[in-house]
Amino acid sequence: MTASTFDTLPATGYIRQAQLIPDVVPFSSATLWRKCKAGQFPKPVKLSERVTAWKVGDVREFLATQAAGVAA
């Protein structure tokens, strides 16, 4: 993930799956949900019956942790 992609995330709020894949996280929809279930990616929030999204702050924290792990 490039820094410019990280910067395109809104400062606060929620982000939907279509906005996450493939621009923010480099994996498929199935892998995203598998990682959520395994606790390896932030859990989404159910905003309504048909709308699920992730808190941008949680996604930013995940990405920063991943970047720090790669850099270390």
Protein backbone atom coordinates (compact mmCIF):
# COMPACT_ATOMS: atom_id res chain seq x y z
CA MET A 1 0.00 0.00 0.00
CA THR A 2 1.33 3.40 -0.89
CA ALA A 3 1.25 6.44 1.35
CA SER A 4 -1.07 8.19 -1.10
CA THR A 5 -3.64 5.39 -0.72
CA PHE A 6 -3.43 5.69 3.05
CA ASP A 7 -3.95 9.44 2.76
CA THR A 8 -7.12 9.00 0.71
CA LEU A 9 -8.93 7.50 3.70
CA PRO A 10 -11.24 9.98 5.40
CA ALA A 11 -10.02 11.27 8.77
CA THR A 12 -13.00 9.81 10.64
CA GLY A 13 -16.15 7.89 9.95
CA TYR A 14 -16.72 4.59 8.23
CA ILE A 15 -15.45 2.91 5.09
CA ARG A 16 -17.32 0.28 3.08
CA GLN A 17 -15.84 -2.90 1.65
CA ALA A 18 -15.85 -1.56 -1.93
CA GLN A 19 -13.63 1.31 -0.76
CA LEU A 20 -11.25 -1.03 1.08
CA ILE A 21 -10.63 -3.54 -1.70
CA PRO A 22 -8.28 -3.33 -3.57
CA ASP A 23 -7.18 0.25 -2.93
CA VAL A 24 -6.55 0.13 0.82
CA VAL A 25 -5.99 -3.54 1.60
CA PRO A 26 -4.28 -5.88 -0.87
CA PHE A 27 -6.50 -8.91 -0.47
CA SER A 28 -9.75 -10.34 -1.75
CA SER A 29 -13.20 -10.03 -0.24
CA ALA A 30 -13.06 -13.62 1.03
CA THR A 31 -9.70 -12.99 2.68
CA LEU A 32 -10.99 -9.77 4.26
CA TRP A 33 -13.87 -11.61 5.92
CA ARG A 34 -11.63 -14.53 6.91
CA LYS A 35 -9.19 -12.10 8.56
CA CYS A 36 -12.07 -10.36 10.39
CA LYS A 37 -13.35 -13.68 11.71
CA ALA A 38 -9.83 -14.70 12.82
CA GLY A 39 -9.26 -11.35 14.56
CA GLN A 40 -6.47 -10.38 12.14
CA PHE A 41 -8.38 -7.39 10.77
CA PRO A 42 -10.77 -5.01 12.59
CA LYS A 43 -14.33 -6.22 12.93
CA PRO A 44 -16.90 -4.32 10.86
CA VAL A 45 -19.85 -2.43 12.30
CA LYS A 46 -23.40 -3.15 11.18
CA LEU A 47 -24.85 0.29 10.38
CA SER A 48 -28.19 -1.02 9.17
CA GLU A 49 -29.75 -4.25 7.95
CA ARG A 50 -27.89 -4.09 4.64
CA VAL A 51 -24.94 -1.81 5.43
CA THR A 52 -21.71 -3.00 7.01
CA ALA A 53 -18.63 -0.79 7.30
CA TRP A 54 -15.35 -0.46 9.15
CA LYS A 55 -14.34 2.40 11.41
CA VAL A 56 -11.66 4.37 9.58
CA GLY A 57 -9.67 4.77 12.80
CA ASP A 58 -9.53 0.99 13.24
CA VAL A 59 -8.39 0.51 9.63
CA ARG A 60 -5.74 3.23 9.99
CA GLU A 61 -4.47 1.57 13.19
CA PHE A 62 -4.31 -1.82 11.45
CA LEU A 63 -2.37 -0.34 8.51
CA ALA A 64 0.05 1.48 10.81
CA THR A 65 0.66 -1.72 12.77
CA GLN A 66 1.29 -3.65 9.56
CA ALA A 67 3.69 -0.97 8.30
CA ALA A 68 5.57 -0.96 11.61
CA GLY A 69 5.84 -4.75 11.51
CA VAL A 70 7.30 -4.67 8.01
CA ALA A 71 9.74 -1.86 8.87
CA ALA A 72 10.96 -3.55 12.06
